[in-house]
Amino acid sequence: MSVDPKALESKLREMYPDIDKYKFDLALNFNEQKDAWIVELKHGKHELTTHLERKDAEACLDGVQCVYLGVQIGQFVKNFEAQE
């Protein structure tokens, strides 16, 4: 299955509403060497870079939440709120 970056971005925003709630910039880039999507969240000086395995990205498009990514986003939100 080929993953469309726009569809993946839309699905991540739907599954993790904190991305839009806090107006985080979201960037997705596929890394061929790692065979994974690089997920970047930014807001001002706050920044998170993590990865989403290809199979997890495909599952995400099928509506399966990625626990690892959800934990990463949750921690980013927590850190962001603590410093605001």
PDB file of N, CA and C in Angstrom:
ATOM      1  N   MET A   1       0.852  -1.196   0.000  1.00  0.00           N
ATOM      2  CA  MET A   1       0.000   0.000   0.000  1.00  0.00           C
ATOM      3  C   MET A   1       0.883   1.240   0.000  1.00  0.00           C
ATOM      4  N   SER A   2       0.613   2.135  -0.893  1.00  0.00           N
ATOM      5  CA  SER A   2       1.321   3.407  -0.948  1.00  0.00           C
ATOM      6  C   SER A   2       0.570   4.408  -0.079  1.00  0.00           C
ATOM      7  N   VAL A   3       1.323   5.170   0.705  1.00  0.00           N
ATOM      8  CA  VAL A   3       0.719   6.138   1.623  1.00  0.00           C
ATOM      9  C   VAL A   3       0.804   7.529   1.011  1.00  0.00           C
ATOM     10  N   ASP A   4      -0.349   8.163   0.855  1.00  0.00           N
ATOM     11  CA  ASP A   4      -0.406   9.533   0.356  1.00  0.00           C
ATOM     12  C   ASP A   4      -0.140  10.478   1.529  1.00  0.00           C
ATOM     13  N   PRO A   5       0.869  11.361   1.421  1.00  0.00           N
ATOM     14  CA  PRO A   5       1.207  12.241   2.539  1.00  0.00           C
ATOM     15  C   PRO A   5       0.054  13.134   2.993  1.00  0.00           C
ATOM     16  N   LYS A   6      -0.742  13.629   2.050  1.00  0.00           N
ATOM     17  CA  LYS A   6      -1.872  14.496   2.427  1.00  0.00           C
ATOM     18  C   LYS A   6      -2.935  13.704   3.194  1.00  0.00           C
ATOM     19  N   ALA A   7      -3.185  12.472   2.747  1.00  0.00           N
ATOM     20  CA  ALA A   7      -4.160  11.628   3.441  1.00  0.00           C
ATOM     21  C   ALA A   7      -3.656  11.278   4.836  1.00  0.00           C
ATOM     22  N   LEU A   8      -2.357  10.991   4.962  1.00  0.00           N
ATOM     23  CA  LEU A   8      -1.781  10.670   6.264  1.00  0.00           C
ATOM     24  C   LEU A   8      -1.853  11.876   7.201  1.00  0.00           C
ATOM     25  N   GLU A   9      -1.518  13.043   6.692  1.00  0.00           N
ATOM     26  CA  GLU A   9      -1.602  14.257   7.510  1.00  0.00           C
ATOM     27  C   GLU A   9      -3.029  14.486   7.993  1.00  0.00           C
ATOM     28  N   SER A  10      -3.972  14.362   7.100  1.00  0.00           N
ATOM     29  CA  SER A  10      -5.373  14.554   7.449  1.00  0.00           C
ATOM     30  C   SER A  10      -5.814  13.553   8.517  1.00  0.00           C
ATOM     31  N   LYS A  11      -5.392  12.297   8.374  1.00  0.00           N
ATOM     32  CA  LYS A  11      -5.775  11.263   9.332  1.00  0.00           C
ATOM     33  C   LYS A  11      -5.127  11.508  10.695  1.00  0.00           C
ATOM     34  N   LEU A  12      -3.868  11.936  10.700  1.00  0.00           N
ATOM     35  CA  LEU A  12      -3.204  12.238  11.972  1.00  0.00           C
ATOM     36  C   LEU A  12      -3.887  13.393  12.689  1.00  0.00           C
ATOM     37  N   ARG A  13      -4.283  14.416  11.939  1.00  0.00           N
ATOM     38  CA  ARG A  13      -4.991  15.549  12.544  1.00  0.00           C
ATOM     39  C   ARG A  13      -6.351  15.110  13.111  1.00  0.00           C
ATOM     40  N   GLU A  14      -6.993  14.180  12.421  1.00  0.00           N
ATOM     41  CA  GLU A  14      -8.282  13.661  12.883  1.00  0.00           C
ATOM     42  C   GLU A  14      -8.109  12.810  14.153  1.00  0.00           C
ATOM     43  N   MET A  15      -7.090  11.953  14.155  1.00  0.00           N
ATOM     44  CA  MET A  15      -6.886  11.026  15.267  1.00  0.00           C
ATOM     45  C   MET A  15      -6.285  11.699  16.500  1.00  0.00           C
ATOM     46  N   TYR A  16      -5.508  12.746  16.275  1.00  0.00           N
ATOM     47  CA  TYR A  16      -4.835  13.451  17.366  1.00  0.00           C
ATOM     48  C   TYR A  16      -5.220  14.931  17.311  1.00  0.00           C
ATOM     49  N   PRO A  17      -6.404  15.280  17.816  1.00  0.00           N
ATOM     50  CA  PRO A  17      -6.926  16.646  17.690  1.00  0.00           C
ATOM     51  C   PRO A  17      -6.088  17.715  18.387  1.00  0.00           C
ATOM     52  N   ASP A  18      -5.196  17.318  19.293  1.00  0.00           N
ATOM     53  CA  ASP A  18      -4.330  18.309  19.943  1.00  0.00           C
ATOM     54  C   ASP A  18      -3.434  19.022  18.931  1.00  0.00           C
ATOM     55  N   ILE A  19      -3.148  18.376  17.811  1.00  0.00           N
ATOM     56  CA  ILE A  19      -2.315  19.002  16.778  1.00  0.00           C
ATOM     57  C   ILE A  19      -2.959  20.310  16.325  1.00  0.00           C
ATOM     58  N   ASP A  20      -4.257  20.272  16.045  1.00  0.00           N
ATOM     59  CA  ASP A  20      -4.948  21.488  15.610  1.00  0.00           C
ATOM     60  C   ASP A  20      -5.338  22.376  16.797  1.00  0.00           C
ATOM     61  N   LYS A  21      -5.697  21.754  17.916  1.00  0.00           N
ATOM     62  CA  LYS A  21      -6.095  22.522  19.107  1.00  0.00           C
ATOM     63  C   LYS A  21      -5.004  23.520  19.503  1.00  0.00           C
ATOM     64  N   TYR A  22      -3.754  23.059  19.465  1.00  0.00           N
ATOM     65  CA  TYR A  22      -2.634  23.919  19.860  1.00  0.00           C
ATOM     66  C   TYR A  22      -1.943  24.576  18.670  1.00  0.00           C
ATOM     67  N   LYS A  23      -2.520  24.389  17.482  1.00  0.00           N
ATOM     68  CA  LYS A  23      -1.999  25.001  16.255  1.00  0.00           C
ATOM     69  C   LYS A  23      -0.530  24.636  15.995  1.00  0.00           C
ATOM     70  N   PHE A  24      -0.217  23.344  16.192  1.00  0.00           N
ATOM     71  CA  PHE A  24       1.128  22.866  15.896  1.00  0.00           C
ATOM     72  C   PHE A  24       1.301  22.760  14.395  1.00  0.00           C
ATOM     73  N   ASP A  25       2.484  23.108  13.904  1.00  0.00           N
ATOM     74  CA  ASP A  25       2.838  22.858  12.517  1.00  0.00           C
ATOM     75  C   ASP A  25       3.170  21.374  12.416  1.00  0.00           C
ATOM     76  N   LEU A  26       2.628  20.704  11.421  1.00  0.00           N
ATOM     77  CA  LEU A  26       2.859  19.281  11.211  1.00  0.00           C
ATOM     78  C   LEU A  26       3.494  19.087   9.844  1.00  0.00           C
ATOM     79  N   ALA A  27       4.634  18.403   9.824  1.00  0.00           N
ATOM     80  CA  ALA A  27       5.314  18.097   8.561  1.00  0.00           C
ATOM     81  C   ALA A  27       5.593  16.600   8.512  1.00  0.00           C
ATOM     82  N   LEU A  28       5.393  16.014   7.345  1.00  0.00           N
ATOM     83  CA  LEU A  28       5.643  14.588   7.135  1.00  0.00           C
ATOM     84  C   LEU A  28       6.566  14.413   5.948  1.00  0.00           C
ATOM     85  N   ASN A  29       7.589  13.613   6.131  1.00  0.00           N
ATOM     86  CA  ASN A  29       8.513  13.306   5.047  1.00  0.00           C
ATOM     87  C   ASN A  29       8.867  11.832   5.128  1.00  0.00           C
ATOM     88  N   PHE A  30       8.864  11.158   3.983  1.00  0.00           N
ATOM     89  CA  PHE A  30       9.208   9.742   3.985  1.00  0.00           C
ATOM     90  C   PHE A  30      10.713   9.583   3.851  1.00  0.00           C
ATOM     91  N   ASN A  31      11.310   8.776   4.740  1.00  0.00           N
ATOM     92  CA  ASN A  31      12.734   8.488   4.715  1.00  0.00           C
ATOM     93  C   ASN A  31      12.923   7.077   4.149  1.00  0.00           C
ATOM     94  N   GLU A  32      13.454   7.002   2.939  1.00  0.00           N
ATOM     95  CA  GLU A  32      13.630   5.715   2.259  1.00  0.00           C
ATOM     96  C   GLU A  32      14.560   4.789   3.044  1.00  0.00           C
ATOM     97  N   GLN A  33      15.639   5.331   3.590  1.00  0.00           N
ATOM     98  CA  GLN A  33      16.608   4.507   4.313  1.00  0.00           C
ATOM     99  C   GLN A  33      15.981   3.850   5.541  1.00  0.00           C
ATOM    100  N   LYS A  34      15.164   4.589   6.265  1.00  0.00           N
ATOM    101  CA  LYS A  34      14.527   4.055   7.467  1.00  0.00           C
ATOM    102  C   LYS A  34      13.212   3.344   7.160  1.00  0.00           C
ATOM    103  N   ASP A  35      12.722   3.519   5.933  1.00  0.00           N
ATOM    104  CA  ASP A  35      11.438   2.971   5.525  1.00  0.00           C
ATOM    105  C   ASP A  35      10.352   3.416   6.512  1.00  0.00           C
ATOM    106  N   ALA A  36      10.402   4.708   6.831  1.00  0.00           N
ATOM    107  CA  ALA A  36       9.480   5.266   7.826  1.00  0.00           C
ATOM    108  C   ALA A  36       9.187   6.731   7.497  1.00  0.00           C
ATOM    109  N   TRP A  37       8.055   7.187   8.001  1.00  0.00           N
ATOM    110  CA  TRP A  37       7.691   8.593   7.883  1.00  0.00           C
ATOM    111  C   TRP A  37       8.306   9.367   9.041  1.00  0.00           C
ATOM    112  N   ILE A  38       8.930  10.484   8.738  1.00  0.00           N
ATOM    113  CA  ILE A  38       9.455  11.376   9.763  1.00  0.00           C
ATOM    114  C   ILE A  38       8.344  12.384  10.049  1.00  0.00           C
ATOM    115  N   VAL A  39       7.939  12.448  11.308  1.00  0.00           N
ATOM    116  CA  VAL A  39       6.844  13.317  11.735  1.00  0.00           C
ATOM    117  C   VAL A  39       7.446  14.444  12.561  1.00  0.00           C
ATOM    118  N   GLU A  40       7.201  15.679  12.141  1.00  0.00           N
ATOM    119  CA  GLU A  40       7.712  16.843  12.860  1.00  0.00           C
ATOM    120  C   GLU A  40       6.546  17.709  13.322  1.00  0.00           C
ATOM    121  N   LEU A  41       6.547  18.010  14.606  1.00  0.00           N
ATOM    122  CA  LEU A  41       5.585  18.951  15.185  1.00  0.00           C
ATOM    123  C   LEU A  41       6.376  20.144  15.698  1.00  0.00           C
ATOM    124  N   LYS A  42       5.894  21.335  15.403  1.00  0.00           N
ATOM    125  CA  LYS A  42       6.572  22.549  15.851  1.00  0.00           C
ATOM    126  C   LYS A  42       5.551  23.572  16.303  1.00  0.00           C
ATOM    127  N   HIS A  43       5.960  24.335  17.285  1.00  0.00           N
ATOM    128  CA  HIS A  43       5.183  25.491  17.729  1.00  0.00           C
ATOM    129  C   HIS A  43       6.165  26.425  18.417  1.00  0.00           C
ATOM    130  N   GLY A  44       6.493  27.527  17.732  1.00  0.00           N
ATOM    131  CA  GLY A  44       7.488  28.441  18.286  1.00  0.00           C
ATOM    132  C   GLY A  44       8.805  27.711  18.475  1.00  0.00           C
ATOM    133  N   LYS A  45       9.353  27.782  19.702  1.00  0.00           N
ATOM    134  CA  LYS A  45      10.633  27.129  19.981  1.00  0.00           C
ATOM    135  C   LYS A  45      10.473  25.645  20.333  1.00  0.00           C
ATOM    136  N   HIS A  46       9.253  25.179  20.455  1.00  0.00           N
ATOM    137  CA  HIS A  46       8.982  23.790  20.804  1.00  0.00           C
ATOM    138  C   HIS A  46       8.986  22.933  19.539  1.00  0.00           C
ATOM    139  N   GLU A  47       9.633  21.780  19.638  1.00  0.00           N
ATOM    140  CA  GLU A  47       9.793  20.955  18.450  1.00  0.00           C
ATOM    141  C   GLU A  47       9.854  19.473  18.838  1.00  0.00           C
ATOM    142  N   LEU A  48       9.194  18.637  18.065  1.00  0.00           N
ATOM    143  CA  LEU A  48       9.243  17.181  18.245  1.00  0.00           C
ATOM    144  C   LEU A  48       9.472  16.562  16.880  1.00  0.00           C
ATOM    145  N   THR A  49      10.459  15.687  16.806  1.00  0.00           N
ATOM    146  CA  THR A  49      10.693  14.905  15.598  1.00  0.00           C
ATOM    147  C   THR A  49      10.682  13.444  16.003  1.00  0.00           C
ATOM    148  N   THR A  50       9.844  12.667  15.365  1.00  0.00           N
ATOM    149  CA  THR A  50       9.750  11.239  15.640  1.00  0.00           C
ATOM    150  C   THR A  50       9.491  10.530  14.326  1.00  0.00           C
ATOM    151  N   HIS A  51       9.334   9.234  14.380  1.00  0.00           N
ATOM    152  CA  HIS A  51       9.088   8.503  13.140  1.00  0.00           C
ATOM    153  C   HIS A  51       7.873   7.607  13.284  1.00  0.00           C
ATOM    154  N   LEU A  52       7.315   7.285  12.139  1.00  0.00           N
ATOM    155  CA  LEU A  52       6.149   6.423  12.046  1.00  0.00           C
ATOM    156  C   LEU A  52       6.480   5.367  10.994  1.00  0.00           C
ATOM    157  N   GLU A  53       6.617   4.126  11.449  1.00  0.00           N
ATOM    158  CA  GLU A  53       6.958   3.042  10.525  1.00  0.00           C
ATOM    159  C   GLU A  53       5.931   2.968   9.396  1.00  0.00           C
ATOM    160  N   ARG A  54       6.370   2.520   8.240  1.00  0.00           N
ATOM    161  CA  ARG A  54       5.489   2.430   7.075  1.00  0.00           C
ATOM    162  C   ARG A  54       4.220   1.630   7.404  1.00  0.00           C
ATOM    163  N   LYS A  55       4.376   0.492   8.062  1.00  0.00           N
ATOM    164  CA  LYS A  55       3.212  -0.351   8.387  1.00  0.00           C
ATOM    165  C   LYS A  55       2.269   0.365   9.356  1.00  0.00           C
ATOM    166  N   ASP A  56       2.828   1.167  10.264  1.00  0.00           N
ATOM    167  CA  ASP A  56       1.987   1.927  11.193  1.00  0.00           C
ATOM    168  C   ASP A  56       1.241   3.048  10.464  1.00  0.00           C
ATOM    169  N   ALA A  57       1.899   3.670   9.494  1.00  0.00           N
ATOM    170  CA  ALA A  57       1.249   4.713   8.698  1.00  0.00           C
ATOM    171  C   ALA A  57       0.091   4.109   7.896  1.00  0.00           C
ATOM    172  N   GLU A  58       0.322   2.927   7.338  1.00  0.00           N
ATOM    173  CA  GLU A  58      -0.735   2.253   6.581  1.00  0.00           C
ATOM    174  C   GLU A  58      -1.904   1.887   7.495  1.00  0.00           C
ATOM    175  N   ALA A  59      -1.585   1.389   8.704  1.00  0.00           N
ATOM    176  CA  ALA A  59      -2.636   1.050   9.677  1.00  0.00           C
ATOM    177  C   ALA A  59      -3.380   2.300  10.118  1.00  0.00           C
ATOM    178  N   CYS A  60      -2.669   3.397  10.256  1.00  0.00           N
ATOM    179  CA  CYS A  60      -3.276   4.665  10.649  1.00  0.00           C
ATOM    180  C   CYS A  60      -4.347   5.068   9.636  1.00  0.00           C
ATOM    181  N   LEU A  61      -4.030   4.921   8.355  1.00  0.00           N
ATOM    182  CA  LEU A  61      -4.992   5.266   7.314  1.00  0.00           C
ATOM    183  C   LEU A  61      -6.224   4.365   7.363  1.00  0.00           C
ATOM    184  N   ASP A  62      -6.048   3.184   7.956  1.00  0.00           N
ATOM    185  CA  ASP A  62      -7.180   2.266   8.137  1.00  0.00           C
ATOM    186  C   ASP A  62      -7.918   2.531   9.447  1.00  0.00           C
ATOM    187  N   GLY A  63      -7.511   3.591  10.171  1.00  0.00           N
ATOM    188  CA  GLY A  63      -8.201   3.977  11.398  1.00  0.00           C
ATOM    189  C   GLY A  63      -7.625   3.390  12.670  1.00  0.00           C
ATOM    190  N   VAL A  64      -6.453   2.759  12.590  1.00  0.00           N
ATOM    191  CA  VAL A  64      -5.816   2.187  13.773  1.00  0.00           C
ATOM    192  C   VAL A  64      -4.852   3.209  14.351  1.00  0.00           C
ATOM    193  N   GLN A  65      -5.098   3.611  15.596  1.00  0.00           N
ATOM    194  CA  GLN A  65      -4.219   4.594  16.209  1.00  0.00           C
ATOM    195  C   GLN A  65      -2.855   3.985  16.495  1.00  0.00           C
ATOM    196  N   CYS A  66      -1.841   4.772  16.298  1.00  0.00           N
ATOM    197  CA  CYS A  66      -0.474   4.366  16.592  1.00  0.00           C
ATOM    198  C   CYS A  66      -0.172   4.773  18.029  1.00  0.00           C
ATOM    199  N   VAL A  67      -0.055   3.791  18.906  1.00  0.00           N
ATOM    200  CA  VAL A  67       0.146   4.068  20.333  1.00  0.00           C
ATOM    201  C   VAL A  67       1.423   4.865  20.564  1.00  0.00           C
ATOM    202  N   TYR A  68       2.514   4.455  19.912  1.00  0.00           N
ATOM    203  CA  TYR A  68       3.791   5.135  20.093  1.00  0.00           C
ATOM    204  C   TYR A  68       3.684   6.613  19.714  1.00  0.00           C
ATOM    205  N   LEU A  69       3.102   6.882  18.560  1.00  0.00           N
ATOM    206  CA  LEU A  69       2.961   8.271  18.111  1.00  0.00           C
ATOM    207  C   LEU A  69       2.040   9.041  19.055  1.00  0.00           C
ATOM    208  N   GLY A  70       0.965   8.422  19.500  1.00  0.00           N
ATOM    209  CA  GLY A  70       0.048   9.075  20.431  1.00  0.00           C
ATOM    210  C   GLY A  70       0.735   9.463  21.726  1.00  0.00           C
ATOM    211  N   VAL A  71       1.608   8.583  22.234  1.00  0.00           N
ATOM    212  CA  VAL A  71       2.367   8.882  23.455  1.00  0.00           C
ATOM    213  C   VAL A  71       3.309  10.050  23.198  1.00  0.00           C
ATOM    214  N   GLN A  72       3.977  10.043  22.057  1.00  0.00           N
ATOM    215  CA  GLN A  72       4.906  11.124  21.715  1.00  0.00           C
ATOM    216  C   GLN A  72       4.176  12.469  21.622  1.00  0.00           C
ATOM    217  N   ILE A  73       3.041  12.477  20.965  1.00  0.00           N
ATOM    218  CA  ILE A  73       2.258  13.711  20.831  1.00  0.00           C
ATOM    219  C   ILE A  73       1.761  14.157  22.197  1.00  0.00           C
ATOM    220  N   GLY A  74       1.287  13.220  23.018  1.00  0.00           N
ATOM    221  CA  GLY A  74       0.828  13.552  24.357  1.00  0.00           C
ATOM    222  C   GLY A  74       1.918  14.180  25.199  1.00  0.00           C
ATOM    223  N   GLN A  75       3.137  13.650  25.122  1.00  0.00           N
ATOM    224  CA  GLN A  75       4.263  14.213  25.880  1.00  0.00           C
ATOM    225  C   GLN A  75       4.632  15.591  25.358  1.00  0.00           C
ATOM    226  N   PHE A  76       4.578  15.772  24.042  1.00  0.00           N
ATOM    227  CA  PHE A  76       4.870  17.077  23.452  1.00  0.00           C
ATOM    228  C   PHE A  76       3.871  18.119  23.947  1.00  0.00           C
ATOM    229  N   VAL A  77       2.597  17.752  23.969  1.00  0.00           N
ATOM    230  CA  VAL A  77       1.549  18.666  24.449  1.00  0.00           C
ATOM    231  C   VAL A  77       1.789  19.004  25.924  1.00  0.00           C
ATOM    232  N   LYS A  78       2.116  18.015  26.717  1.00  0.00           N
ATOM    233  CA  LYS A  78       2.361  18.205  28.146  1.00  0.00           C
ATOM    234  C   LYS A  78       3.536  19.177  28.351  1.00  0.00           C
ATOM    235  N   ASN A  79       4.629  18.953  27.628  1.00  0.00           N
ATOM    236  CA  ASN A  79       5.789  19.838  27.731  1.00  0.00           C
ATOM    237  C   ASN A  79       5.464  21.243  27.244  1.00  0.00           C
ATOM    238  N   PHE A  80       4.699  21.324  26.161  1.00  0.00           N
ATOM    239  CA  PHE A  80       4.318  22.620  25.609  1.00  0.00           C
ATOM    240  C   PHE A  80       3.476  23.396  26.625  1.00  0.00           C
ATOM    241  N   GLU A  81       2.481  22.731  27.224  1.00  0.00           N
ATOM    242  CA  GLU A  81       1.605  23.385  28.204  1.00  0.00           C
ATOM    243  C   GLU A  81       2.389  23.839  29.431  1.00  0.00           C
ATOM    244  N   ALA A  82       3.354  23.054  29.868  1.00  0.00           N
ATOM    245  CA  ALA A  82       4.130  23.367  31.060  1.00  0.00           C
ATOM    246  C   ALA A  82       4.989  24.612  30.869  1.00  0.00           C
ATOM    247  N   GLN A  83       5.378  24.893  29.630  1.00  0.00           N
ATOM    248  CA  GLN A  83       6.271  26.019  29.370  1.00  0.00           C
ATOM    249  C   GLN A  83       5.550  27.267  28.884  1.00  0.00           C
ATOM    250  N   GLU A  84       4.253  27.176  28.721  1.00  0.00           N
ATOM    251  CA  GLU A  84       3.496  28.352  28.255  1.00  0.00           C
ATOM    252  C   GLU A  84       3.134  29.242  29.409  1.00  0.00           C
TER     253      GLU A  84
END
